[in-house]
Amino acid sequence: MTEFNIDDIYFFEYIKKRYVKICSKSGDYHFNEKIANIDIDMASYNFFMPHQSFVVNLKYVKDIKNYELLMTNGIRIPLSQKRAVLFRNALNNYLEKMLIL
């Protein structure tokens, strides 16, 4: 079993409703799990679900353009219209927390 430092994970991606890909600083890894469970488990670590197939680390969101996130590693991730307001609020709250620290 591979262990990860949470700060090394860019995002989780649900692939073809079969498995989850972890995109991390050390590479990509796959495992079987439901993305909804990951969303719940990772919420307290500043991760958020911008789209039904992704859970992203807010630390690595570089920009939001329309309905797309640009991650610091250059990957673009869709932002669903239904989750856009919630996502922007979560990102703003995270950034405010980081400024206070």
PDB file of N, CA and C in Angstrom:
ATOM      1  N   MET A   1       0.843  -1.191   0.000  1.00  0.00           N
ATOM      2  CA  MET A   1       0.000   0.000   0.000  1.00  0.00           C
ATOM      3  C   MET A   1       0.884   1.250   0.000  1.00  0.00           C
ATOM      4  N   THR A   2       0.561   2.188  -0.858  1.00  0.00           N
ATOM      5  CA  THR A   2       1.314   3.432  -0.956  1.00  0.00           C
ATOM      6  C   THR A   2       0.721   4.468  -0.009  1.00  0.00           C
ATOM      7  N   GLU A   3       1.589   5.156   0.720  1.00  0.00           N
ATOM      8  CA  GLU A   3       1.132   6.227   1.595  1.00  0.00           C
ATOM      9  C   GLU A   3       1.479   7.560   0.957  1.00  0.00           C
ATOM     10  N   PHE A   4       0.610   8.535   1.177  1.00  0.00           N
ATOM     11  CA  PHE A   4       0.790   9.856   0.592  1.00  0.00           C
ATOM     12  C   PHE A   4       0.766  10.924   1.664  1.00  0.00           C
ATOM     13  N   ASN A   5       1.572  11.938   1.466  1.00  0.00           N
ATOM     14  CA  ASN A   5       1.431  13.162   2.240  1.00  0.00           C
ATOM     15  C   ASN A   5       0.296  13.917   1.566  1.00  0.00           C
ATOM     16  N   ILE A   6      -0.661  14.366   2.322  1.00  0.00           N
ATOM     17  CA  ILE A   6      -1.826  15.040   1.742  1.00  0.00           C
ATOM     18  C   ILE A   6      -1.415  16.239   0.897  1.00  0.00           C
ATOM     19  N   ASP A   7      -0.374  16.939   1.310  1.00  0.00           N
ATOM     20  CA  ASP A   7       0.092  18.108   0.559  1.00  0.00           C
ATOM     21  C   ASP A   7       0.684  17.746  -0.799  1.00  0.00           C
ATOM     22  N   ASP A   8       0.969  16.469  -1.034  1.00  0.00           N
ATOM     23  CA  ASP A   8       1.520  16.039  -2.326  1.00  0.00           C
ATOM     24  C   ASP A   8       0.439  15.674  -3.343  1.00  0.00           C
ATOM     25  N   ILE A   9      -0.815  15.645  -2.920  1.00  0.00           N
ATOM     26  CA  ILE A   9      -1.912  15.242  -3.814  1.00  0.00           C
ATOM     27  C   ILE A   9      -2.528  16.474  -4.463  1.00  0.00           C
ATOM     28  N   TYR A  10      -2.533  16.490  -5.811  1.00  0.00           N
ATOM     29  CA  TYR A  10      -3.179  17.567  -6.556  1.00  0.00           C
ATOM     30  C   TYR A  10      -4.694  17.349  -6.609  1.00  0.00           C
ATOM     31  N   PHE A  11      -5.076  16.145  -7.011  1.00  0.00           N
ATOM     32  CA  PHE A  11      -6.509  15.843  -7.121  1.00  0.00           C
ATOM     33  C   PHE A  11      -6.735  14.349  -7.260  1.00  0.00           C
ATOM     34  N   PHE A  12      -8.004  13.959  -7.089  1.00  0.00           N
ATOM     35  CA  PHE A  12      -8.486  12.610  -7.342  1.00  0.00           C
ATOM     36  C   PHE A  12      -9.418  12.693  -8.546  1.00  0.00           C
ATOM     37  N   GLU A  13      -9.352  11.707  -9.425  1.00  0.00           N
ATOM     38  CA  GLU A  13     -10.237  11.676 -10.595  1.00  0.00           C
ATOM     39  C   GLU A  13     -10.898  10.305 -10.687  1.00  0.00           C
ATOM     40  N   TYR A  14     -12.208  10.317 -10.850  1.00  0.00           N
ATOM     41  CA  TYR A  14     -12.976   9.084 -11.008  1.00  0.00           C
ATOM     42  C   TYR A  14     -12.957   8.699 -12.484  1.00  0.00           C
ATOM     43  N   ILE A  15     -12.419   7.538 -12.789  1.00  0.00           N
ATOM     44  CA  ILE A  15     -12.234   7.103 -14.169  1.00  0.00           C
ATOM     45  C   ILE A  15     -13.268   6.041 -14.542  1.00  0.00           C
ATOM     46  N   LYS A  16     -14.111   6.367 -15.499  1.00  0.00           N
ATOM     47  CA  LYS A  16     -15.080   5.420 -16.062  1.00  0.00           C
ATOM     48  C   LYS A  16     -15.896   4.669 -15.014  1.00  0.00           C
ATOM     49  N   LYS A  17     -16.192   5.329 -13.899  1.00  0.00           N
ATOM     50  CA  LYS A  17     -16.983   4.736 -12.817  1.00  0.00           C
ATOM     51  C   LYS A  17     -16.422   3.387 -12.365  1.00  0.00           C
ATOM     52  N   ARG A  18     -15.091   3.240 -12.483  1.00  0.00           N
ATOM     53  CA  ARG A  18     -14.477   1.973 -12.114  1.00  0.00           C
ATOM     54  C   ARG A  18     -13.399   2.125 -11.052  1.00  0.00           C
ATOM     55  N   TYR A  19     -12.607   3.184 -11.149  1.00  0.00           N
ATOM     56  CA  TYR A  19     -11.528   3.349 -10.184  1.00  0.00           C
ATOM     57  C   TYR A  19     -11.174   4.829 -10.055  1.00  0.00           C
ATOM     58  N   VAL A  20     -10.367   5.133  -9.054  1.00  0.00           N
ATOM     59  CA  VAL A  20      -9.953   6.516  -8.793  1.00  0.00           C
ATOM     60  C   VAL A  20      -8.470   6.642  -9.104  1.00  0.00           C
ATOM     61  N   LYS A  21      -8.140   7.701  -9.813  1.00  0.00           N
ATOM     62  CA  LYS A  21      -6.743   8.039 -10.070  1.00  0.00           C
ATOM     63  C   LYS A  21      -6.343   9.143  -9.106  1.00  0.00           C
ATOM     64  N   ILE A  22      -5.205   8.975  -8.441  1.00  0.00           N
ATOM     65  CA  ILE A  22      -4.627  10.030  -7.613  1.00  0.00           C
ATOM     66  C   ILE A  22      -3.537  10.689  -8.444  1.00  0.00           C
ATOM     67  N   CYS A  23      -3.648  11.992  -8.642  1.00  0.00           N
ATOM     68  CA  CYS A  23      -2.601  12.740  -9.320  1.00  0.00           C
ATOM     69  C   CYS A  23      -1.791  13.441  -8.227  1.00  0.00           C
ATOM     70  N   SER A  24      -0.527  13.025  -8.061  1.00  0.00           N
ATOM     71  CA  SER A  24       0.297  13.563  -6.984  1.00  0.00           C
ATOM     72  C   SER A  24       1.643  14.033  -7.531  1.00  0.00           C
ATOM     73  N   LYS A  25       2.400  14.666  -6.678  1.00  0.00           N
ATOM     74  CA  LYS A  25       3.726  15.148  -7.067  1.00  0.00           C
ATOM     75  C   LYS A  25       4.647  14.003  -7.467  1.00  0.00           C
ATOM     76  N   SER A  26       4.408  12.824  -6.904  1.00  0.00           N
ATOM     77  CA  SER A  26       5.272  11.678  -7.203  1.00  0.00           C
ATOM     78  C   SER A  26       4.748  10.807  -8.345  1.00  0.00           C
ATOM     79  N   GLY A  27       3.627  11.198  -8.956  1.00  0.00           N
ATOM     80  CA  GLY A  27       3.087  10.430 -10.076  1.00  0.00           C
ATOM     81  C   GLY A  27       1.617  10.110  -9.885  1.00  0.00           C
ATOM     82  N   ASP A  28       1.100   9.294 -10.781  1.00  0.00           N
ATOM     83  CA  ASP A  28      -0.302   8.909 -10.744  1.00  0.00           C
ATOM     84  C   ASP A  28      -0.441   7.491 -10.211  1.00  0.00           C
ATOM     85  N   TYR A  29      -1.482   7.291  -9.410  1.00  0.00           N
ATOM     86  CA  TYR A  29      -1.759   5.989  -8.815  1.00  0.00           C
ATOM     87  C   TYR A  29      -3.253   5.709  -8.951  1.00  0.00           C
ATOM     88  N   HIS A  30      -3.615   4.426  -8.945  1.00  0.00           N
ATOM     89  CA  HIS A  30      -5.019   4.032  -9.096  1.00  0.00           C
ATOM     90  C   HIS A  30      -5.436   3.127  -7.955  1.00  0.00           C
ATOM     91  N   PHE A  31      -6.703   3.245  -7.563  1.00  0.00           N
ATOM     92  CA  PHE A  31      -7.265   2.327  -6.579  1.00  0.00           C
ATOM     93  C   PHE A  31      -8.781   2.323  -6.720  1.00  0.00           C
ATOM     94  N   ASN A  32      -9.412   1.315  -6.152  1.00  0.00           N
ATOM     95  CA  ASN A  32     -10.865   1.177  -6.229  1.00  0.00           C
ATOM     96  C   ASN A  32     -11.522   1.870  -5.043  1.00  0.00           C
ATOM     97  N   GLU A  33     -12.380   2.811  -5.341  1.00  0.00           N
ATOM     98  CA  GLU A  33     -13.125   3.540  -4.317  1.00  0.00           C
ATOM     99  C   GLU A  33     -14.158   4.398  -5.024  1.00  0.00           C
ATOM    100  N   LYS A  34     -15.189   4.789  -4.311  1.00  0.00           N
ATOM    101  CA  LYS A  34     -16.184   5.705  -4.865  1.00  0.00           C
ATOM    102  C   LYS A  34     -15.708   7.133  -4.620  1.00  0.00           C
ATOM    103  N   ILE A  35     -15.866   7.976  -5.617  1.00  0.00           N
ATOM    104  CA  ILE A  35     -15.411   9.365  -5.499  1.00  0.00           C
ATOM    105  C   ILE A  35     -16.178  10.105  -4.394  1.00  0.00           C
ATOM    106  N   ALA A  36     -17.419   9.740  -4.168  1.00  0.00           N
ATOM    107  CA  ALA A  36     -18.207  10.385  -3.103  1.00  0.00           C
ATOM    108  C   ALA A  36     -17.587  10.127  -1.734  1.00  0.00           C
ATOM    109  N   ASN A  37     -17.042   8.932  -1.526  1.00  0.00           N
ATOM    110  CA  ASN A  37     -16.377   8.620  -0.253  1.00  0.00           C
ATOM    111  C   ASN A  37     -15.113   9.455  -0.083  1.00  0.00           C
ATOM    112  N   ILE A  38     -14.390   9.646  -1.159  1.00  0.00           N
ATOM    113  CA  ILE A  38     -13.170  10.458  -1.106  1.00  0.00           C
ATOM    114  C   ILE A  38     -13.530  11.900  -0.789  1.00  0.00           C
ATOM    115  N   ASP A  39     -14.588  12.394  -1.405  1.00  0.00           N
ATOM    116  CA  ASP A  39     -15.040  13.763  -1.139  1.00  0.00           C
ATOM    117  C   ASP A  39     -15.308  13.941   0.356  1.00  0.00           C
ATOM    118  N   ILE A  40     -15.996  13.007   0.954  1.00  0.00           N
ATOM    119  CA  ILE A  40     -16.315  13.082   2.385  1.00  0.00           C
ATOM    120  C   ILE A  40     -15.045  12.970   3.231  1.00  0.00           C
ATOM    121  N   ASP A  41     -14.204  11.990   2.915  1.00  0.00           N
ATOM    122  CA  ASP A  41     -12.998  11.750   3.708  1.00  0.00           C
ATOM    123  C   ASP A  41     -11.993  12.897   3.628  1.00  0.00           C
ATOM    124  N   MET A  42     -11.924  13.570   2.485  1.00  0.00           N
ATOM    125  CA  MET A  42     -10.883  14.580   2.269  1.00  0.00           C
ATOM    126  C   MET A  42     -11.351  16.013   2.530  1.00  0.00           C
ATOM    127  N   ALA A  43     -12.626  16.217   2.789  1.00  0.00           N
ATOM    128  CA  ALA A  43     -13.162  17.575   2.979  1.00  0.00           C
ATOM    129  C   ALA A  43     -12.450  18.326   4.100  1.00  0.00           C
ATOM    130  N   SER A  44     -12.107  17.650   5.161  1.00  0.00           N
ATOM    131  CA  SER A  44     -11.445  18.324   6.285  1.00  0.00           C
ATOM    132  C   SER A  44      -9.980  18.661   5.999  1.00  0.00           C
ATOM    133  N   TYR A  45      -9.461  18.189   4.857  1.00  0.00           N
ATOM    134  CA  TYR A  45      -8.080  18.480   4.455  1.00  0.00           C
ATOM    135  C   TYR A  45      -8.018  19.506   3.313  1.00  0.00           C
ATOM    136  N   ASN A  46      -9.059  20.315   3.188  1.00  0.00           N
ATOM    137  CA  ASN A  46      -9.132  21.363   2.160  1.00  0.00           C
ATOM    138  C   ASN A  46      -9.216  20.814   0.739  1.00  0.00           C
ATOM    139  N   PHE A  47      -9.948  19.732   0.578  1.00  0.00           N
ATOM    140  CA  PHE A  47     -10.268  19.197  -0.743  1.00  0.00           C
ATOM    141  C   PHE A  47     -11.738  19.506  -1.009  1.00  0.00           C
ATOM    142  N   PHE A  48     -12.071  19.683  -2.279  1.00  0.00           N
ATOM    143  CA  PHE A  48     -13.451  20.002  -2.639  1.00  0.00           C
ATOM    144  C   PHE A  48     -13.765  19.370  -3.989  1.00  0.00           C
ATOM    145  N   MET A  49     -15.044  19.030  -4.192  1.00  0.00           N
ATOM    146  CA  MET A  49     -15.486  18.383  -5.428  1.00  0.00           C
ATOM    147  C   MET A  49     -16.088  19.432  -6.369  1.00  0.00           C
ATOM    148  N   PRO A  50     -15.332  19.861  -7.393  1.00  0.00           N
ATOM    149  CA  PRO A  50     -15.845  20.852  -8.332  1.00  0.00           C
ATOM    150  C   PRO A  50     -16.710  20.246  -9.441  1.00  0.00           C
ATOM    151  N   HIS A  51     -16.657  18.936  -9.566  1.00  0.00           N
ATOM    152  CA  HIS A  51     -17.309  18.202 -10.653  1.00  0.00           C
ATOM    153  C   HIS A  51     -17.500  16.779 -10.152  1.00  0.00           C
ATOM    154  N   GLN A  52     -18.484  16.086 -10.670  1.00  0.00           N
ATOM    155  CA  GLN A  52     -18.799  14.742 -10.160  1.00  0.00           C
ATOM    156  C   GLN A  52     -17.664  13.730 -10.322  1.00  0.00           C
ATOM    157  N   SER A  53     -16.660  14.042 -11.125  1.00  0.00           N
ATOM    158  CA  SER A  53     -15.560  13.104 -11.344  1.00  0.00           C
ATOM    159  C   SER A  53     -14.243  13.534 -10.700  1.00  0.00           C
ATOM    160  N   PHE A  54     -14.232  14.633  -9.954  1.00  0.00           N
ATOM    161  CA  PHE A  54     -12.977  15.141  -9.396  1.00  0.00           C
ATOM    162  C   PHE A  54     -13.144  15.599  -7.952  1.00  0.00           C
ATOM    163  N   VAL A  55     -12.090  15.428  -7.176  1.00  0.00           N
ATOM    164  CA  VAL A  55     -11.953  16.040  -5.857  1.00  0.00           C
ATOM    165  C   VAL A  55     -10.566  16.681  -5.868  1.00  0.00           C
ATOM    166  N   VAL A  56     -10.517  18.001  -5.722  1.00  0.00           N
ATOM    167  CA  VAL A  56      -9.248  18.718  -5.878  1.00  0.00           C
ATOM    168  C   VAL A  56      -8.741  19.275  -4.549  1.00  0.00           C
ATOM    169  N   ASN A  57      -7.437  19.384  -4.456  1.00  0.00           N
ATOM    170  CA  ASN A  57      -6.785  20.021  -3.325  1.00  0.00           C
ATOM    171  C   ASN A  57      -6.815  21.525  -3.590  1.00  0.00           C
ATOM    172  N   LEU A  58      -7.523  22.284  -2.758  1.00  0.00           N
ATOM    173  CA  LEU A  58      -7.666  23.728  -2.981  1.00  0.00           C
ATOM    174  C   LEU A  58      -6.319  24.445  -2.988  1.00  0.00           C
ATOM    175  N   LYS A  59      -5.338  23.865  -2.342  1.00  0.00           N
ATOM    176  CA  LYS A  59      -3.996  24.449  -2.299  1.00  0.00           C
ATOM    177  C   LYS A  59      -3.401  24.604  -3.705  1.00  0.00           C
ATOM    178  N   TYR A  60      -3.786  23.751  -4.628  1.00  0.00           N
ATOM    179  CA  TYR A  60      -3.179  23.731  -5.959  1.00  0.00           C
ATOM    180  C   TYR A  60      -4.067  24.307  -7.059  1.00  0.00           C
ATOM    181  N   VAL A  61      -5.141  24.985  -6.692  1.00  0.00           N
ATOM    182  CA  VAL A  61      -5.973  25.663  -7.692  1.00  0.00           C
ATOM    183  C   VAL A  61      -5.315  27.004  -7.985  1.00  0.00           C
ATOM    184  N   LYS A  62      -4.895  27.166  -9.232  1.00  0.00           N
ATOM    185  CA  LYS A  62      -4.188  28.388  -9.634  1.00  0.00           C
ATOM    186  C   LYS A  62      -5.141  29.463 -10.122  1.00  0.00           C
ATOM    187  N   ASP A  63      -6.180  29.045 -10.867  1.00  0.00           N
ATOM    188  CA  ASP A  63      -7.088  30.006 -11.469  1.00  0.00           C
ATOM    189  C   ASP A  63      -8.409  29.326 -11.824  1.00  0.00           C
ATOM    190  N   ILE A  64      -9.452  30.137 -11.928  1.00  0.00           N
ATOM    191  CA  ILE A  64     -10.752  29.667 -12.402  1.00  0.00           C
ATOM    192  C   ILE A  64     -11.114  30.541 -13.596  1.00  0.00           C
ATOM    193  N   LYS A  65     -11.368  29.901 -14.720  1.00  0.00           N
ATOM    194  CA  LYS A  65     -11.827  30.628 -15.905  1.00  0.00           C
ATOM    195  C   LYS A  65     -13.100  29.976 -16.397  1.00  0.00           C
ATOM    196  N   ASN A  66     -14.166  30.754 -16.369  1.00  0.00           N
ATOM    197  CA  ASN A  66     -15.488  30.241 -16.733  1.00  0.00           C
ATOM    198  C   ASN A  66     -15.797  29.008 -15.897  1.00  0.00           C
ATOM    199  N   TYR A  67     -15.926  27.877 -16.529  1.00  0.00           N
ATOM    200  CA  TYR A  67     -16.236  26.644 -15.796  1.00  0.00           C
ATOM    201  C   TYR A  67     -15.084  25.647 -15.920  1.00  0.00           C
ATOM    202  N   GLU A  68     -13.886  26.154 -15.637  1.00  0.00           N
ATOM    203  CA  GLU A  68     -12.695  25.319 -15.698  1.00  0.00           C
ATOM    204  C   GLU A  68     -11.689  25.798 -14.660  1.00  0.00           C
ATOM    205  N   LEU A  69     -11.072  24.837 -13.982  1.00  0.00           N
ATOM    206  CA  LEU A  69     -10.027  25.148 -13.009  1.00  0.00           C
ATOM    207  C   LEU A  69      -8.677  24.895 -13.661  1.00  0.00           C
ATOM    208  N   LEU A  70      -7.731  25.763 -13.389  1.00  0.00           N
ATOM    209  CA  LEU A  70      -6.361  25.529 -13.806  1.00  0.00           C
ATOM    210  C   LEU A  70      -5.575  25.203 -12.548  1.00  0.00           C
ATOM    211  N   MET A  71      -4.997  24.016 -12.527  1.00  0.00           N
ATOM    212  CA  MET A  71      -4.216  23.590 -11.367  1.00  0.00           C
ATOM    213  C   MET A  71      -2.776  24.064 -11.540  1.00  0.00           C
ATOM    214  N   THR A  72      -2.036  24.122 -10.448  1.00  0.00           N
ATOM    215  CA  THR A  72      -0.652  24.598 -10.519  1.00  0.00           C
ATOM    216  C   THR A  72       0.247  23.669 -11.330  1.00  0.00           C
ATOM    217  N   ASN A  73      -0.166  22.410 -11.517  1.00  0.00           N
ATOM    218  CA  ASN A  73       0.614  21.482 -12.332  1.00  0.00           C
ATOM    219  C   ASN A  73       0.227  21.547 -13.814  1.00  0.00           C
ATOM    220  N   GLY A  74      -0.629  22.516 -14.186  1.00  0.00           N
ATOM    221  CA  GLY A  74      -1.005  22.715 -15.585  1.00  0.00           C
ATOM    222  C   GLY A  74      -2.238  21.955 -16.041  1.00  0.00           C
ATOM    223  N   ILE A  75      -2.756  21.081 -15.233  1.00  0.00           N
ATOM    224  CA  ILE A  75      -3.943  20.294 -15.594  1.00  0.00           C
ATOM    225  C   ILE A  75      -5.184  21.182 -15.484  1.00  0.00           C
ATOM    226  N   ARG A  76      -6.093  21.004 -16.436  1.00  0.00           N
ATOM    227  CA  ARG A  76      -7.371  21.722 -16.415  1.00  0.00           C
ATOM    228  C   ARG A  76      -8.464  20.754 -15.976  1.00  0.00           C
ATOM    229  N   ILE A  77      -9.308  21.209 -15.063  1.00  0.00           N
ATOM    230  CA  ILE A  77     -10.364  20.370 -14.492  1.00  0.00           C
ATOM    231  C   ILE A  77     -11.695  21.091 -14.656  1.00  0.00           C
ATOM    232  N   PRO A  78     -12.728  20.385 -15.117  1.00  0.00           N
ATOM    233  CA  PRO A  78     -14.033  21.037 -15.288  1.00  0.00           C
ATOM    234  C   PRO A  78     -14.652  21.442 -13.954  1.00  0.00           C
ATOM    235  N   LEU A  79     -15.373  22.542 -13.989  1.00  0.00           N
ATOM    236  CA  LEU A  79     -16.144  23.030 -12.840  1.00  0.00           C
ATOM    237  C   LEU A  79     -17.600  23.010 -13.268  1.00  0.00           C
ATOM    238  N   SER A  80     -18.399  22.184 -12.610  1.00  0.00           N
ATOM    239  CA  SER A  80     -19.801  22.094 -13.019  1.00  0.00           C
ATOM    240  C   SER A  80     -20.535  23.374 -12.636  1.00  0.00           C
ATOM    241  N   GLN A  81     -21.505  23.739 -13.451  1.00  0.00           N
ATOM    242  CA  GLN A  81     -22.284  24.945 -13.185  1.00  0.00           C
ATOM    243  C   GLN A  81     -23.014  24.838 -11.856  1.00  0.00           C
ATOM    244  N   LYS A  82     -23.513  23.638 -11.528  1.00  0.00           N
ATOM    245  CA  LYS A  82     -24.239  23.438 -10.272  1.00  0.00           C
ATOM    246  C   LYS A  82     -23.357  23.669  -9.052  1.00  0.00           C
ATOM    247  N   ARG A  83     -22.069  23.358  -9.174  1.00  0.00           N
ATOM    248  CA  ARG A  83     -21.171  23.455  -8.022  1.00  0.00           C
ATOM    249  C   ARG A  83     -20.312  24.717  -8.039  1.00  0.00           C
ATOM    250  N   ALA A  84     -20.450  25.555  -9.057  1.00  0.00           N
ATOM    251  CA  ALA A  84     -19.558  26.704  -9.230  1.00  0.00           C
ATOM    252  C   ALA A  84     -19.582  27.660  -8.041  1.00  0.00           C
ATOM    253  N   VAL A  85     -20.766  28.028  -7.572  1.00  0.00           N
ATOM    254  CA  VAL A  85     -20.863  28.980  -6.458  1.00  0.00           C
ATOM    255  C   VAL A  85     -20.281  28.365  -5.189  1.00  0.00           C
ATOM    256  N   LEU A  86     -20.642  27.116  -4.902  1.00  0.00           N
ATOM    257  CA  LEU A  86     -20.106  26.439  -3.713  1.00  0.00           C
ATOM    258  C   LEU A  86     -18.589  26.310  -3.791  1.00  0.00           C
ATOM    259  N   PHE A  87     -18.093  25.976  -4.977  1.00  0.00           N
ATOM    260  CA  PHE A  87     -16.645  25.823  -5.132  1.00  0.00           C
ATOM    261  C   PHE A  87     -15.925  27.150  -4.913  1.00  0.00           C
ATOM    262  N   ARG A  88     -16.430  28.208  -5.529  1.00  0.00           N
ATOM    263  CA  ARG A  88     -15.788  29.523  -5.369  1.00  0.00           C
ATOM    264  C   ARG A  88     -15.799  29.957  -3.901  1.00  0.00           C
ATOM    265  N   ASN A  89     -16.894  29.696  -3.199  1.00  0.00           N
ATOM    266  CA  ASN A  89     -16.964  30.017  -1.771  1.00  0.00           C
ATOM    267  C   ASN A  89     -15.937  29.213  -0.968  1.00  0.00           C
ATOM    268  N   ALA A  90     -15.828  27.926  -1.268  1.00  0.00           N
ATOM    269  CA  ALA A  90     -14.865  27.071  -0.560  1.00  0.00           C
ATOM    270  C   ALA A  90     -13.435  27.540  -0.819  1.00  0.00           C
ATOM    271  N   LEU A  91     -13.151  27.903  -2.069  1.00  0.00           N
ATOM    272  CA  LEU A  91     -11.813  28.389  -2.413  1.00  0.00           C
ATOM    273  C   LEU A  91     -11.523  29.713  -1.707  1.00  0.00           C
ATOM    274  N   ASN A  92     -12.485  30.617  -1.708  1.00  0.00           N
ATOM    275  CA  ASN A  92     -12.298  31.900  -1.023  1.00  0.00           C
ATOM    276  C   ASN A  92     -12.081  31.702   0.478  1.00  0.00           C
ATOM    277  N   ASN A  93     -12.847  30.822   1.098  1.00  0.00           N
ATOM    278  CA  ASN A  93     -12.672  30.531   2.522  1.00  0.00           C
ATOM    279  C   ASN A  93     -11.286  29.960   2.801  1.00  0.00           C
ATOM    280  N   TYR A  94     -10.838  29.055   1.932  1.00  0.00           N
ATOM    281  CA  TYR A  94      -9.503  28.470   2.080  1.00  0.00           C
ATOM    282  C   TYR A  94      -8.422  29.551   1.974  1.00  0.00           C
ATOM    283  N   LEU A  95      -8.542  30.417   0.970  1.00  0.00           N
ATOM    284  CA  LEU A  95      -7.541  31.477   0.781  1.00  0.00           C
ATOM    285  C   LEU A  95      -7.523  32.450   1.959  1.00  0.00           C
ATOM    286  N   GLU A  96      -8.699  32.760   2.483  1.00  0.00           N
ATOM    287  CA  GLU A  96      -8.757  33.625   3.669  1.00  0.00           C
ATOM    288  C   GLU A  96      -8.056  32.989   4.859  1.00  0.00           C
ATOM    289  N   LYS A  97      -8.284  31.680   5.047  1.00  0.00           N
ATOM    290  CA  LYS A  97      -7.619  30.955   6.135  1.00  0.00           C
ATOM    291  C   LYS A  97      -6.103  31.007   5.980  1.00  0.00           C
ATOM    292  N   MET A  98      -5.621  30.854   4.746  1.00  0.00           N
ATOM    293  CA  MET A  98      -4.188  30.855   4.489  1.00  0.00           C
ATOM    294  C   MET A  98      -3.580  32.242   4.739  1.00  0.00           C
ATOM    295  N   LEU A  99      -4.326  33.291   4.468  1.00  0.00           N
ATOM    296  CA  LEU A  99      -3.839  34.648   4.704  1.00  0.00           C
ATOM    297  C   LEU A  99      -3.723  34.948   6.197  1.00  0.00           C
ATOM    298  N   ILE A 100      -4.613  34.385   6.986  1.00  0.00           N
ATOM    299  CA  ILE A 100      -4.598  34.609   8.433  1.00  0.00           C
ATOM    300  C   ILE A 100      -3.415  33.899   9.079  1.00  0.00           C
ATOM    301  N   LEU A 101      -3.060  32.732   8.546  1.00  0.00           N
ATOM    302  CA  LEU A 101      -1.923  31.964   9.103  1.00  0.00           C
ATOM    303  C   LEU A 101      -0.683  32.688   8.864  1.00  0.00           C
TER     304      LEU A 101
END
